[in-house]
C-alpha atoms as a PDB file:
ATOM      1  CA  MET A   1      -4.109  -5.842 -15.960  1.00  0.00           C
ATOM      2  CA  TYR A   2      -3.477  -5.124 -19.638  1.00  0.00           C
ATOM      3  CA  GLU A   3      -7.071  -4.961 -20.880  1.00  0.00           C
ATOM      4  CA  LYS A   4      -7.405  -1.177 -20.623  1.00  0.00           C
ATOM      5  CA  SER A   5      -4.543   1.187 -21.304  1.00  0.00           C
ATOM      6  CA  GLU A   6      -6.058   4.184 -19.514  1.00  0.00           C
ATOM      7  CA  TYR A   7      -6.303   4.499 -15.726  1.00  0.00           C
ATOM      8  CA  ARG A   8      -7.645   7.248 -13.507  1.00  0.00           C
ATOM      9  CA  LEU A   9      -4.807   8.663 -11.411  1.00  0.00           C
ATOM     10  CA  ILE A  10      -5.630  10.205  -8.036  1.00  0.00           C
ATOM     11  CA  ILE A  11      -2.993  11.897  -5.884  1.00  0.00           C
ATOM     12  CA  SER A  12      -3.864  13.066  -2.369  1.00  0.00           C
ATOM     13  CA  GLN A  13      -1.605  14.185   0.449  1.00  0.00           C
ATOM     14  CA  ASN A  14      -1.590  14.424   4.217  1.00  0.00           C
ATOM     15  CA  LEU A  15      -5.117  13.210   4.909  1.00  0.00           C
ATOM     16  CA  SER A  16      -6.445  11.827   8.175  1.00  0.00           C
ATOM     17  CA  SER A  17      -6.567   8.080   8.640  1.00  0.00           C
ATOM     18  CA  ASN A  18     -10.361   8.104   8.451  1.00  0.00           C
ATOM     19  CA  LEU A  19     -10.407  10.036   5.172  1.00  0.00           C
ATOM     20  CA  ASN A  20      -7.863   7.784   3.506  1.00  0.00           C
ATOM     21  CA  SER A  21      -9.733   4.644   4.534  1.00  0.00           C
ATOM     22  CA  ASN A  22     -13.077   6.163   3.520  1.00  0.00           C
ATOM     23  CA  ILE A  23     -11.740   7.005   0.059  1.00  0.00           C
ATOM     24  CA  ASP A  24     -10.563   3.438  -0.496  1.00  0.00           C
ATOM     25  CA  LYS A  25     -13.865   2.006   0.731  1.00  0.00           C
ATOM     26  CA  LYS A  26     -16.019   4.294  -1.395  1.00  0.00           C
ATOM     27  CA  LEU A  27     -13.923   3.885  -4.560  1.00  0.00           C
ATOM     28  CA  PHE A  28     -14.203   0.119  -4.117  1.00  0.00           C
ATOM     29  CA  LYS A  29     -17.924   0.098  -3.267  1.00  0.00           C
ATOM     30  CA  GLU A  30     -18.998   2.421  -6.086  1.00  0.00           C
ATOM     31  CA  PHE A  31     -16.749   1.010  -8.806  1.00  0.00           C
ATOM     32  CA  LYS A  32     -18.598  -0.401 -11.806  1.00  0.00           C
ATOM     33  CA  LYS A  33     -17.061  -3.107 -13.946  1.00  0.00           C
ATOM     34  CA  ASP A  34     -16.990  -0.821 -16.995  1.00  0.00           C
ATOM     35  CA  ASP A  35     -15.358   2.092 -15.152  1.00  0.00           C
ATOM     36  CA  LEU A  36     -11.803   3.117 -15.853  1.00  0.00           C
ATOM     37  CA  PRO A  37      -9.501   1.408 -13.323  1.00  0.00           C
ATOM     38  CA  ILE A  38      -8.061   3.606 -10.566  1.00  0.00           C
ATOM     39  CA  PHE A  39      -4.545   4.052  -9.249  1.00  0.00           C
ATOM     40  CA  ARG A  40      -4.266   6.321  -6.203  1.00  0.00           C
ATOM     41  CA  VAL A  41      -1.078   7.525  -4.518  1.00  0.00           C
ATOM     42  CA  TYR A  42      -1.400   9.243  -1.150  1.00  0.00           C
ATOM     43  CA  SER A  43       0.072  10.180   2.209  1.00  0.00           C
ATOM     44  CA  TRP A  44      -1.263  10.365   5.742  1.00  0.00           C
ATOM     45  CA  GLN A  45      -1.228  12.545   8.802  1.00  0.00           C
ATOM     46  CA  ARG A  46       0.484  10.976  11.815  1.00  0.00           C
ATOM     47  CA  SER A  47      -2.063   8.246  12.449  1.00  0.00           C
ATOM     48  CA  ILE A  48      -2.888   4.543  12.659  1.00  0.00           C
ATOM     49  CA  SER A  49      -4.956   2.155  10.576  1.00  0.00           C
ATOM     50  CA  PHE A  50      -6.253  -1.225  11.717  1.00  0.00           C
ATOM     51  CA  GLY A  51      -7.125  -4.318   9.726  1.00  0.00           C
ATOM     52  CA  ALA A  52     -10.811  -4.980   9.119  1.00  0.00           C
ATOM     53  CA  GLY A  53     -10.796  -7.841  11.647  1.00  0.00           C
ATOM     54  CA  GLN A  54      -9.127  -5.898  14.459  1.00  0.00           C
ATOM     55  CA  ASP A  55     -10.829  -4.073  17.331  1.00  0.00           C
ATOM     56  CA  PRO A  56      -9.240  -0.628  17.919  1.00  0.00           C
ATOM     57  CA  ASN A  57     -10.521  -0.733  21.502  1.00  0.00           C
ATOM     58  CA  ASP A  58      -7.849  -3.352  22.194  1.00  0.00           C
ATOM     59  CA  TYR A  59      -5.207  -0.649  21.595  1.00  0.00           C
ATOM     60  CA  GLN A  60      -6.299   2.171  23.888  1.00  0.00           C
ATOM     61  CA  ASN A  61      -2.730   3.335  24.570  1.00  0.00           C
ATOM     62  CA  LEU A  62      -2.108   3.763  20.847  1.00  0.00           C
ATOM     63  CA  LEU A  63      -5.399   5.587  20.315  1.00  0.00           C
ATOM     64  CA  LYS A  64      -4.477   8.051  23.037  1.00  0.00           C
ATOM     65  CA  LYS A  65      -0.943   8.519  21.714  1.00  0.00           C
ATOM     66  CA  TYR A  66      -2.261   9.232  18.214  1.00  0.00           C
ATOM     67  CA  GLU A  67      -5.100  11.452  19.432  1.00  0.00           C
ATOM     68  CA  ASN A  68      -7.747   9.102  17.986  1.00  0.00           C
ATOM     69  CA  ASN A  69      -6.535   9.694  14.441  1.00  0.00           C
ATOM     70  CA  TYR A  70      -7.250   6.131  13.346  1.00  0.00           C
ATOM     71  CA  SER A  71      -9.436   4.048  11.049  1.00  0.00           C
ATOM     72  CA  LYS A  72     -10.238   0.487  10.036  1.00  0.00           C
ATOM     73  CA  ARG A  73      -9.115  -0.437   6.555  1.00  0.00           C
ATOM     74  CA  ALA A  74     -11.349  -2.247   4.070  1.00  0.00           C
ATOM     75  CA  THR A  75      -8.827  -5.096   4.065  1.00  0.00           C
ATOM     76  CA  GLY A  76      -7.418  -7.420   6.701  1.00  0.00           C
ATOM     77  CA  GLY A  77      -3.978  -7.407   8.249  1.00  0.00           C
ATOM     78  CA  GLY A  78      -2.539  -5.741  11.311  1.00  0.00           C
ATOM     79  CA  VAL A  79      -1.788  -2.358  12.844  1.00  0.00           C
ATOM     80  CA  LEU A  80      -0.021   0.113  10.551  1.00  0.00           C
ATOM     81  CA  PHE A  81       1.587   3.384  11.608  1.00  0.00           C
ATOM     82  CA  HIS A  82       1.340   6.278   9.173  1.00  0.00           C
ATOM     83  CA  GLY A  83       2.719   9.757   8.612  1.00  0.00           C
ATOM     84  CA  HIS A  84       6.170   8.660   7.457  1.00  0.00           C
ATOM     85  CA  ASP A  85       5.015   6.530   4.534  1.00  0.00           C
ATOM     86  CA  ILE A  86       3.604   6.623   1.020  1.00  0.00           C
ATOM     87  CA  SER A  87       0.608   4.486   0.086  1.00  0.00           C
ATOM     88  CA  TYR A  88      -1.079   3.343  -3.081  1.00  0.00           C
ATOM     89  CA  SER A  89      -4.524   1.949  -3.871  1.00  0.00           C
ATOM     90  CA  LEU A  90      -5.523   0.054  -6.968  1.00  0.00           C
ATOM     91  CA  VAL A  91      -9.174  -0.514  -7.933  1.00  0.00           C
ATOM     92  CA  ILE A  92      -9.679  -2.711 -10.989  1.00  0.00           C
ATOM     93  CA  PRO A  93     -12.364  -4.953 -12.482  1.00  0.00           C
ATOM     94  CA  SER A  94     -11.941  -8.539 -11.302  1.00  0.00           C
ATOM     95  CA  SER A  95     -11.982  -9.549 -14.973  1.00  0.00           C
ATOM     96  CA  PHE A  96      -8.462  -8.120 -15.257  1.00  0.00           C
ATOM     97  CA  VAL A  97      -7.156 -11.147 -13.367  1.00  0.00           C
ATOM     98  CA  LYS A  98      -9.748 -13.672 -14.505  1.00  0.00           C
ATOM     99  CA  GLU A  99      -9.051 -17.363 -13.729  1.00  0.00           C
ATOM    100  CA  LYS A 100      -6.184 -16.530 -11.403  1.00  0.00           C
ATOM    101  CA  SER A 101      -5.892 -17.342  -7.710  1.00  0.00           C
ATOM    102  CA  VAL A 102      -5.565 -14.688  -5.005  1.00  0.00           C
ATOM    103  CA  LYS A 103      -1.878 -15.581  -4.748  1.00  0.00           C
ATOM    104  CA  ALA A 104      -1.421 -15.121  -8.476  1.00  0.00           C
ATOM    105  CA  ASN A 105      -3.204 -11.759  -8.194  1.00  0.00           C
ATOM    106  CA  TYR A 106      -0.703 -10.596  -5.603  1.00  0.00           C
ATOM    107  CA  GLU A 107       2.277 -11.730  -7.628  1.00  0.00           C
ATOM    108  CA  LYS A 108       1.041  -9.988 -10.757  1.00  0.00           C
ATOM    109  CA  ILE A 109      -0.029  -6.735  -9.113  1.00  0.00           C
ATOM    110  CA  CYS A 110       3.004  -6.443  -6.846  1.00  0.00           C
ATOM    111  CA  SER A 111       5.373  -6.764  -9.786  1.00  0.00           C
ATOM    112  CA  PHE A 112       5.262  -2.988 -10.177  1.00  0.00           C
ATOM    113  CA  LEU A 113       6.576  -2.639  -6.622  1.00  0.00           C
ATOM    114  CA  LEU A 114       9.511  -4.889  -7.444  1.00  0.00           C
ATOM    115  CA  LYS A 115      10.173  -2.559 -10.386  1.00  0.00           C
ATOM    116  CA  PHE A 116       9.975   0.470  -8.069  1.00  0.00           C
ATOM    117  CA  TYR A 117      12.651  -1.003  -5.788  1.00  0.00           C
ATOM    118  CA  GLU A 118      14.761  -2.098  -8.735  1.00  0.00           C
ATOM    119  CA  ASN A 119      14.759   1.493  -9.999  1.00  0.00           C
ATOM    120  CA  LEU A 120      16.156   2.525  -6.616  1.00  0.00           C
ATOM    121  CA  GLY A 121      19.000   0.041  -7.019  1.00  0.00           C
ATOM    122  CA  LEU A 122      17.551  -2.446  -4.523  1.00  0.00           C
ATOM    123  CA  LYS A 123      17.057  -6.177  -5.049  1.00  0.00           C
ATOM    124  CA  ALA A 124      13.591  -7.110  -3.791  1.00  0.00           C
ATOM    125  CA  SER A 125      12.017 -10.569  -3.516  1.00  0.00           C
ATOM    126  CA  PHE A 126       8.772 -12.089  -2.275  1.00  0.00           C
ATOM    127  CA  ALA A 127       8.976 -13.721   1.157  1.00  0.00           C
ATOM    128  CA  LYS A 128       7.783 -17.025  -0.307  1.00  0.00           C
ATOM    129  CA  ASP A 129      10.869 -17.209  -2.516  1.00  0.00           C
ATOM    130  CA  LEU A 130      13.405 -16.889   0.316  1.00  0.00           C
ATOM    131  CA  GLU A 131      14.389 -19.960   2.328  1.00  0.00           C
ATOM    132  CA  ASN A 132      15.462 -17.955   5.377  1.00  0.00           C
ATOM    133  CA  ILE A 133      12.085 -16.233   5.828  1.00  0.00           C
ATOM    134  CA  VAL A 134       9.586 -17.984   8.107  1.00  0.00           C
ATOM    135  CA  LEU A 135       6.000 -17.027   7.321  1.00  0.00           C
ATOM    136  CA  SER A 136       4.145 -15.851  10.425  1.00  0.00           C
ATOM    137  CA  LYS A 137       1.153 -13.846  11.651  1.00  0.00           C
ATOM    138  CA  ASN A 138       1.371 -10.821  13.945  1.00  0.00           C
ATOM    139  CA  PRO A 139      -1.123  -8.150  15.093  1.00  0.00           C
ATOM    140  CA  TYR A 140       1.352  -5.546  13.817  1.00  0.00           C
ATOM    141  CA  CYS A 141       1.552  -5.581  10.034  1.00  0.00           C
ATOM    142  CA  GLN A 142       5.264  -4.870   9.742  1.00  0.00           C
ATOM    143  CA  VAL A 143       6.297  -7.655  12.112  1.00  0.00           C
ATOM    144  CA  GLY A 144       4.656 -10.683  10.499  1.00  0.00           C
ATOM    145  CA  PHE A 145       5.613 -12.257   7.166  1.00  0.00           C
ATOM    146  CA  GLU A 146       3.050 -13.172   4.504  1.00  0.00           C
ATOM    147  CA  ALA A 147       3.943 -15.079   1.331  1.00  0.00           C
ATOM    148  CA  TYR A 148       3.849 -12.013  -0.905  1.00  0.00           C
ATOM    149  CA  ASP A 149       5.459  -9.546   1.462  1.00  0.00           C
ATOM    150  CA  ILE A 150       8.429  -7.857  -0.168  1.00  0.00           C
ATOM    151  CA  ILE A 151      11.851  -8.496   1.339  1.00  0.00           C
ATOM    152  CA  ILE A 152      15.082  -6.552   0.810  1.00  0.00           C
ATOM    153  CA  ASP A 153      18.314  -7.654   2.500  1.00  0.00           C
ATOM    154  CA  GLY A 154      16.314  -9.983   4.738  1.00  0.00           C
ATOM    155  CA  LYS A 155      14.009  -7.189   5.937  1.00  0.00           C
ATOM    156  CA  LYS A 156      10.338  -6.678   5.167  1.00  0.00           C
ATOM    157  CA  ILE A 157       9.545  -3.380   3.497  1.00  0.00           C
ATOM    158  CA  GLY A 158       5.956  -2.153   3.572  1.00  0.00           C
ATOM    159  CA  GLY A 159       2.848  -4.284   3.286  1.00  0.00           C
ATOM    160  CA  ASN A 160      -0.012  -4.988   0.880  1.00  0.00           C
ATOM    161  CA  ALA A 161      -3.572  -6.275   1.229  1.00  0.00           C
ATOM    162  CA  GLN A 162      -6.538  -7.129  -0.985  1.00  0.00           C
ATOM    163  CA  LYS A 163     -10.327  -7.067  -0.886  1.00  0.00           C
ATOM    164  CA  ILE A 164     -12.227  -8.850  -3.658  1.00  0.00           C
ATOM    165  CA  SER A 165     -15.880  -8.762  -4.653  1.00  0.00           C
ATOM    166  CA  LYS A 166     -17.603 -10.354  -7.615  1.00  0.00           C
ATOM    167  CA  ASP A 167     -16.702  -7.533 -10.000  1.00  0.00           C
ATOM    168  CA  VAL A 168     -13.979  -5.501  -8.276  1.00  0.00           C
ATOM    169  CA  ILE A 169     -10.549  -5.899  -6.710  1.00  0.00           C
ATOM    170  CA  LEU A 170      -9.087  -3.406  -4.259  1.00  0.00           C
ATOM    171  CA  GLN A 171      -5.416  -3.704  -3.443  1.00  0.00           C
ATOM    172  CA  HIS A 172      -3.555  -1.175  -1.363  1.00  0.00           C
ATOM    173  CA  GLY A 173      -0.204  -0.984   0.308  1.00  0.00           C
ATOM    174  CA  SER A 174       2.159   1.241   2.229  1.00  0.00           C
ATOM    175  CA  ILE A 175       5.913   1.862   2.049  1.00  0.00           C
ATOM    176  CA  PRO A 176       7.704   3.580   4.957  1.00  0.00           C
ATOM    177  CA  LEU A 177       9.907   6.353   3.536  1.00  0.00           C
ATOM    178  CA  LYS A 178      11.387   7.683   6.776  1.00  0.00           C
ATOM    179  CA  THR A 179      12.585   6.051   9.983  1.00  0.00           C
ATOM    180  CA  VAL A 180      10.652   7.490  12.920  1.00  0.00           C
ATOM    181  CA  SER A 181      11.192   4.722  15.480  1.00  0.00           C
ATOM    182  CA  LYS A 182      13.395   1.688  16.034  1.00  0.00           C
ATOM    183  CA  ASP A 183      10.383  -0.199  17.415  1.00  0.00           C
ATOM    184  CA  GLU A 184       9.931  -3.248  15.160  1.00  0.00           C
ATOM    185  CA  ALA A 185       6.207  -2.481  14.877  1.00  0.00           C
ATOM    186  CA  PHE A 186       7.124   0.458  12.611  1.00  0.00           C
ATOM    187  CA  GLY A 187       9.049  -1.821  10.293  1.00  0.00           C
ATOM    188  CA  THR A 188      11.953  -1.021   8.022  1.00  0.00           C
ATOM    189  CA  SER A 189      11.943   2.194   6.000  1.00  0.00           C
ATOM    190  CA  LEU A 190      13.701   3.047   2.755  1.00  0.00           C
ATOM    191  CA  GLU A 191      16.037   5.250   4.803  1.00  0.00           C
ATOM    192  CA  ASP A 192      17.388   2.074   6.420  1.00  0.00           C
ATOM    193  CA  PHE A 193      18.836   0.847   3.119  1.00  0.00           C
ATOM    194  CA  LYS A 194      21.986   2.022   1.402  1.00  0.00           C
ATOM    195  CA  ILE A 195      22.864   1.548  -2.246  1.00  0.00           C
ATOM    196  CA  ASP A 196      26.532   1.630  -1.302  1.00  0.00           C
ATOM    197  CA  LEU A 197      28.618   2.842   1.622  1.00  0.00           C
ATOM    198  CA  ASP A 198      27.974   6.489   0.813  1.00  0.00           C
ATOM    199  CA  PHE A 199      24.452   6.702  -0.610  1.00  0.00           C
ATOM    200  CA  LYS A 200      21.392   6.484   1.643  1.00  0.00           C
ATOM    201  CA  ILE A 201      17.900   6.510   0.127  1.00  0.00           C
ATOM    202  CA  ASP A 202      16.107   9.730   1.022  1.00  0.00           C
ATOM    203  CA  LEU A 203      12.789  10.209  -0.795  1.00  0.00           C
ATOM    204  CA  ASP A 204      10.096  12.817  -0.210  1.00  0.00           C
ATOM    205  CA  PHE A 205       6.480  12.207  -1.194  1.00  0.00           C
ATOM    206  CA  GLU A 206       6.760  13.971  -4.555  1.00  0.00           C
ATOM    207  CA  THR A 207       9.769  11.938  -5.680  1.00  0.00           C
ATOM    208  CA  ALA A 208       8.442   8.638  -4.338  1.00  0.00           C
ATOM    209  CA  SER A 209       5.001   9.166  -5.885  1.00  0.00           C
ATOM    210  CA  LYS A 210       6.520   9.911  -9.288  1.00  0.00           C
ATOM    211  CA  MET A 211       8.632   6.767  -9.057  1.00  0.00           C
ATOM    212  CA  LEU A 212       5.638   4.622  -8.050  1.00  0.00           C
ATOM    213  CA  ILE A 213       3.560   6.041 -10.896  1.00  0.00           C
ATOM    214  CA  ASP A 214       6.380   5.499 -13.409  1.00  0.00           C
ATOM    215  CA  ALA A 215       6.942   1.924 -12.185  1.00  0.00           C
ATOM    216  CA  PHE A 216       3.236   1.105 -12.510  1.00  0.00           C
ATOM    217  CA  LYS A 217       3.036   2.754 -15.919  1.00  0.00           C
ATOM    218  CA  SER A 218       6.023   0.884 -17.349  1.00  0.00           C
ATOM    219  CA  THR A 219       5.146  -2.472 -15.762  1.00  0.00           C
ATOM    220  CA  PHE A 220       1.569  -2.571 -17.063  1.00  0.00           C
ATOM    221  CA  ASN A 221       1.905  -0.374 -20.166  1.00  0.00           C
ATOM    222  CA  VAL A 222      -0.810   2.073 -19.118  1.00  0.00           C
ATOM    223  CA  GLU A 223      -1.545   5.750 -19.551  1.00  0.00           C
ATOM    224  CA  PHE A 224      -2.876   7.899 -16.735  1.00  0.00           C
ATOM    225  CA  LYS A 225      -5.672  10.447 -16.747  1.00  0.00           C
ATOM    226  CA  LYS A 226      -5.376  12.774 -13.738  1.00  0.00           C
ATOM    227  CA  TYR A 227      -8.583  12.749 -11.729  1.00  0.00           C
ATOM    228  CA  GLU A 228      -9.505  15.097  -8.889  1.00  0.00           C
ATOM    229  CA  ILE A 229     -11.742  14.044  -6.004  1.00  0.00           C
ATOM    230  CA  ASP A 230     -13.684  16.270  -3.618  1.00  0.00           C
ATOM    231  CA  ILE A 231     -12.590  15.336  -0.110  1.00  0.00           C
ATOM    232  CA  LYS A 232     -15.953  16.469   1.272  1.00  0.00           C
ATOM    233  CA  ASP A 233     -17.590  13.522  -0.504  1.00  0.00           C
ATOM    234  CA  PHE A 234     -15.678  11.132   1.752  1.00  0.00           C
ATOM    235  CA  GLU A 235     -15.944  12.778   5.161  1.00  0.00           C
ATOM    236  CA  ASN A 236     -19.114  11.153   6.506  1.00  0.00           C
ATOM    237  CA  ILE A 237     -19.220   7.584   5.264  1.00  0.00           C
END
Protein backbone atom coordinates (compact mmCIF):
# COMPACT_ATOMS: atom_id res chain seq x y z
CA MET A 1 0.00 0.00 0.00
CA TYR A 2 2.99 2.31 0.36
CA GLU A 3 4.73 1.63 -2.96
CA LYS A 4 3.20 4.57 -4.82
CA SER A 5 2.45 7.88 -3.16
CA GLU A 6 0.02 9.12 -5.81
CA TYR A 7 -3.52 7.77 -6.25
CA ARG A 8 -6.29 8.69 -8.65
CA LEU A 9 -9.23 10.08 -6.69
CA ILE A 10 -12.73 9.71 -8.14
CA ILE A 11 -15.78 11.24 -6.48
CA SER A 12 -19.26 10.49 -7.83
CA GLN A 13 -22.66 11.12 -6.29
CA ASN A 14 -26.20 9.82 -6.46
CA LEU A 15 -25.75 7.22 -9.19
CA SER A 16 -28.00 4.26 -9.90
CA SER A 17 -27.06 0.89 -8.49
CA ASN A 18 -26.20 -0.41 -11.95
CA LEU A 19 -23.88 2.51 -12.72
CA ASN A 20 -22.02 2.23 -9.44
CA SER A 21 -21.49 -1.51 -9.87
CA ASN A 22 -20.49 -1.06 -13.52
CA ILE A 23 -17.87 1.53 -12.58
CA ASP A 24 -16.30 -0.80 -10.03
CA LYS A 25 -16.31 -3.71 -12.48
CA LYS A 26 -14.79 -1.73 -15.33
CA LEU A 27 -12.13 -0.03 -13.19
CA PHE A 28 -11.13 -3.47 -11.91
CA LYS A 29 -11.22 -5.20 -15.31
CA GLU A 30 -9.28 -2.51 -17.18
CA PHE A 31 -6.69 -1.78 -14.49
CA LYS A 32 -3.10 -2.43 -15.53
CA LYS A 33 -0.45 -3.28 -12.97
CA ASP A 34 1.51 -0.11 -13.78
CA ASP A 35 -1.52 2.19 -13.53
CA LEU A 36 -1.90 4.64 -10.69
CA PRO A 37 -4.03 3.04 -7.95
CA ILE A 38 -7.60 4.30 -7.60
CA PHE A 39 -9.61 5.44 -4.60
CA ARG A 40 -13.26 6.22 -5.35
CA VAL A 41 -15.82 7.73 -2.97
CA TYR A 42 -19.46 7.70 -4.04
CA SER A 43 -23.14 7.68 -3.16
CA TRP A 44 -26.20 5.92 -4.53
CA GLN A 45 -29.79 6.53 -5.45
CA ARG A 46 -32.29 4.63 -3.32
CA SER A 47 -31.43 1.15 -4.53
CA ILE A 48 -30.15 -2.34 -3.77
CA SER A 49 -27.00 -4.27 -4.63
CA PHE A 50 -26.60 -8.04 -4.45
CA GLY A 51 -23.51 -10.15 -3.93
CA ALA A 52 -22.04 -11.82 -7.01
CA GLY A 53 -23.33 -15.23 -5.88
CA GLN A 54 -26.91 -14.11 -5.21
CA ASP A 55 -29.88 -14.36 -7.58
CA PRO A 56 -31.94 -11.13 -7.55
CA ASN A 57 -34.95 -13.12 -8.76
CA ASP A 58 -35.14 -14.62 -5.26
CA TYR A 59 -36.04 -11.14 -3.95
CA GLN A 60 -38.95 -10.10 -6.15
CA ASN A 61 -40.65 -8.08 -3.39
CA LEU A 62 -37.50 -6.00 -2.92
CA LEU A 63 -37.07 -5.46 -6.65
CA LYS A 64 -40.61 -4.15 -6.88
CA LYS A 65 -40.21 -1.93 -3.82
CA TYR A 66 -37.03 -0.41 -5.24
CA GLU A 67 -38.42 -0.08 -8.77
CA ASN A 68 -35.77 -2.44 -10.19
CA ASN A 69 -32.96 -0.08 -9.25
CA TYR A 70 -30.54 -2.89 -8.41
CA SER A 71 -27.30 -4.52 -9.50
CA LYS A 72 -24.95 -7.39 -8.75
CA ARG A 73 -21.63 -6.35 -7.27
CA ALA A 74 -18.30 -7.70 -8.51
CA THR A 75 -17.74 -9.15 -5.04
CA GLY A 76 -19.57 -11.64 -2.86
CA GLY A 77 -21.63 -10.99 0.23
CA GLY A 78 -25.29 -10.29 0.80
CA VAL A 79 -28.04 -7.80 0.06
CA LEU A 80 -27.15 -4.15 0.71
CA PHE A 81 -29.59 -1.24 0.81
CA HIS A 82 -28.35 2.07 -0.55
CA GLY A 83 -29.33 5.72 -0.71
CA HIS A 84 -28.52 6.53 2.91
CA ASP A 85 -24.87 5.50 2.80
CA ILE A 86 -21.42 6.47 1.55
CA SER A 87 -19.25 3.95 -0.28
CA TYR A 88 -15.64 3.64 -1.29
CA SER A 89 -13.78 1.52 -3.84
CA LEU A 90 -10.09 0.81 -3.90
CA VAL A 91 -8.33 -0.62 -6.98
CA ILE A 92 -4.65 -1.42 -6.47
CA PRO A 93 -1.99 -3.69 -7.97
CA SER A 94 -1.86 -7.01 -6.14
CA SER A 95 1.87 -6.40 -5.68
CA PHE A 96 0.97 -3.79 -3.05
CA VAL A 97 0.08 -6.61 -0.66
CA LYS A 98 2.51 -9.22 -1.96
CA GLU A 99 2.99 -12.38 0.17
CA LYS A 100 0.04 -11.56 2.39
CA SER A 101 -3.11 -13.61 2.91
CA VAL A 102 -6.59 -12.36 2.06
CA LYS A 103 -7.18 -11.85 5.79
CA ALA A 104 -4.02 -9.80 6.09
CA ASN A 105 -5.15 -7.75 3.08
CA TYR A 106 -8.40 -6.90 4.83
CA GLU A 107 -6.69 -5.94 8.06
CA LYS A 108 -4.22 -3.67 6.28
CA ILE A 109 -6.69 -2.00 3.94
CA CYS A 110 -9.43 -1.55 6.53
CA SER A 111 -7.06 0.23 8.89
CA PHE A 112 -8.03 3.52 7.25
CA LEU A 113 -11.65 2.86 8.22
CA LEU A 114 -10.63 2.39 11.84
CA LYS A 115 -8.89 5.77 11.55
CA PHE A 116 -12.06 7.30 10.08
CA TYR A 117 -14.11 6.14 13.07
CA GLU A 118 -11.41 7.18 15.51
CA ASN A 119 -11.54 10.70 14.06
CA LEU A 120 -15.26 10.72 14.84
CA GLY A 121 -14.52 9.84 18.46
CA LEU A 122 -15.65 6.22 18.11
CA LYS A 123 -13.74 3.12 19.20
CA ALA A 124 -13.93 0.56 16.39
CA SER A 125 -12.65 -3.03 16.37
CA PHE A 126 -12.65 -6.00 14.01
CA ALA A 127 -15.24 -8.67 14.79
CA LYS A 128 -12.50 -11.29 15.09
CA ASP A 129 -10.98 -9.43 18.03
CA LEU A 130 -14.15 -9.36 20.15
CA GLU A 131 -15.07 -12.38 22.26
CA ASN A 132 -18.78 -11.53 22.35
CA ILE A 133 -19.19 -11.51 18.55
CA VAL A 134 -20.19 -14.82 16.94
CA LEU A 135 -19.16 -15.02 13.30
CA SER A 136 -22.08 -15.96 11.06
CA LYS A 137 -23.37 -15.87 7.48
CA ASN A 138 -26.60 -14.18 6.39
CA PRO A 139 -28.15 -13.31 2.99
CA TYR A 140 -28.37 -9.71 4.21
CA CYS A 141 -24.93 -8.14 4.49
CA GLN A 142 -25.59 -6.06 7.59
CA VAL A 143 -26.95 -8.97 9.62
CA GLY A 144 -24.09 -11.47 9.40
CA PHE A 145 -20.65 -11.10 10.99
CA GLU A 146 -17.42 -11.74 9.09
CA ALA A 147 -13.99 -11.73 10.75
CA TYR A 148 -13.03 -8.30 9.46
CA ASP A 149 -16.37 -6.59 9.86
CA ILE A 150 -16.03 -3.42 11.91
CA ILE A 151 -17.81 -3.31 15.26
CA ILE A 152 -18.61 -0.28 17.42
CA ASP A 153 -20.35 -0.69 20.79
CA GLY A 154 -21.20 -4.28 19.87
CA LYS A 155 -22.88 -3.26 16.59
CA LYS A 156 -21.69 -3.88 13.05
CA ILE A 157 -21.19 -0.73 11.02
CA GLY A 158 -21.04 -1.05 7.24
CA GLY A 159 -19.45 -3.87 5.29
CA ASN A 160 -16.47 -4.54 3.02
CA ALA A 161 -15.68 -7.07 0.29
CA GLN A 162 -12.80 -7.99 -2.01
CA LYS A 163 -12.22 -9.37 -5.49
CA ILE A 164 -8.70 -10.45 -6.44
CA SER A 165 -7.15 -11.32 -9.78
CA LYS A 166 -3.55 -12.10 -10.63
CA ASP A 167 -2.55 -8.44 -10.92
CA VAL A 168 -5.35 -6.43 -9.31
CA ILE A 169 -7.27 -6.13 -6.05
CA LEU A 170 -10.67 -4.49 -5.79
CA GLN A 171 -11.99 -3.72 -2.34
CA HIS A 172 -15.14 -1.75 -1.73
CA GLY A 173 -17.35 -1.03 1.21
CA SER A 174 -20.34 0.94 2.41
CA ILE A 175 -21.08 2.91 5.59
CA PRO A 176 -24.69 3.84 6.45
CA LEU A 177 -24.78 7.55 7.35
CA LYS A 178 -28.50 7.91 8.09
CA THR A 179 -31.07 5.69 9.78
CA VAL A 180 -33.92 5.01 7.36
CA SER A 181 -35.37 1.85 8.93
CA LYS A 182 -35.19 -0.10 12.17
CA ASP A 183 -35.23 -3.35 10.17
CA GLU A 184 -31.99 -5.16 11.06
CA ALA A 185 -31.32 -5.78 7.36
CA PHE A 186 -30.47 -2.06 7.04
CA GLY A 187 -27.88 -2.34 9.78
CA THR A 188 -26.62 0.32 12.14
CA SER A 189 -25.92 3.82 10.86
CA LEU A 190 -23.58 6.49 12.18
CA GLU A 191 -26.67 8.37 13.37
CA ASP A 192 -27.26 5.55 15.87
CA PHE A 193 -24.06 6.38 17.76
CA LYS A 194 -23.49 9.22 20.19
CA ILE A 195 -20.14 10.61 21.26
CA ASP A 196 -21.70 11.65 24.55
CA LEU A 197 -25.20 12.26 25.89
CA ASP A 198 -25.65 15.40 23.83
CA PHE A 199 -23.78 14.86 20.56
CA LYS A 200 -25.20 12.64 17.81
CA ILE A 201 -23.18 11.99 14.65
CA ASP A 202 -24.83 13.67 11.67
CA LEU A 203 -22.73 13.58 8.49
CA ASP A 204 -23.70 14.55 4.95
CA PHE A 205 -21.92 13.10 1.93
CA GLU A 206 -19.53 16.03 1.53
CA THR A 207 -18.32 15.89 5.14
CA ALA A 208 -18.13 12.09 5.25
CA SER A 209 -16.27 11.89 1.93
CA LYS A 210 -13.70 14.44 3.08
CA MET A 211 -13.17 12.49 6.29
CA LEU A 212 -12.78 9.18 4.42
CA ILE A 213 -10.30 10.75 2.01
CA ASP A 214 -8.32 12.34 4.86
CA ALA A 215 -8.26 9.06 6.81
CA PHE A 216 -6.99 7.14 3.77
CA LYS A 217 -4.43 9.82 2.99
CA SER A 218 -2.99 9.93 6.51
CA THR A 219 -3.08 6.15 7.05
CA PHE A 220 -1.20 5.27 3.86
CA ASN A 221 0.79 8.49 3.33
CA VAL A 222 -0.55 9.12 -0.17
CA GLU A 223 -1.34 12.11 -2.34
CA PHE A 224 -4.44 12.29 -4.50
CA LYS A 225 -4.83 13.40 -8.09
CA LYS A 226 -8.47 14.25 -8.84
CA TYR A 227 -9.72 12.25 -11.80
CA GLU A 228 -12.99 12.73 -13.66
CA ILE A 229 -14.84 9.87 -15.33
CA ASP A 230 -17.47 10.06 -18.07
CA ILE A 231 -20.55 8.27 -16.76
CA LYS A 232 -21.60 7.43 -20.33
CA ASP A 233 -18.62 5.07 -20.57
CA PHE A 234 -20.18 2.86 -17.90
CA GLU A 235 -23.84 2.78 -18.89
CA ASN A 236 -23.91 -0.29 -21.14
CA ILE A 237 -21.48 -2.83 -19.75
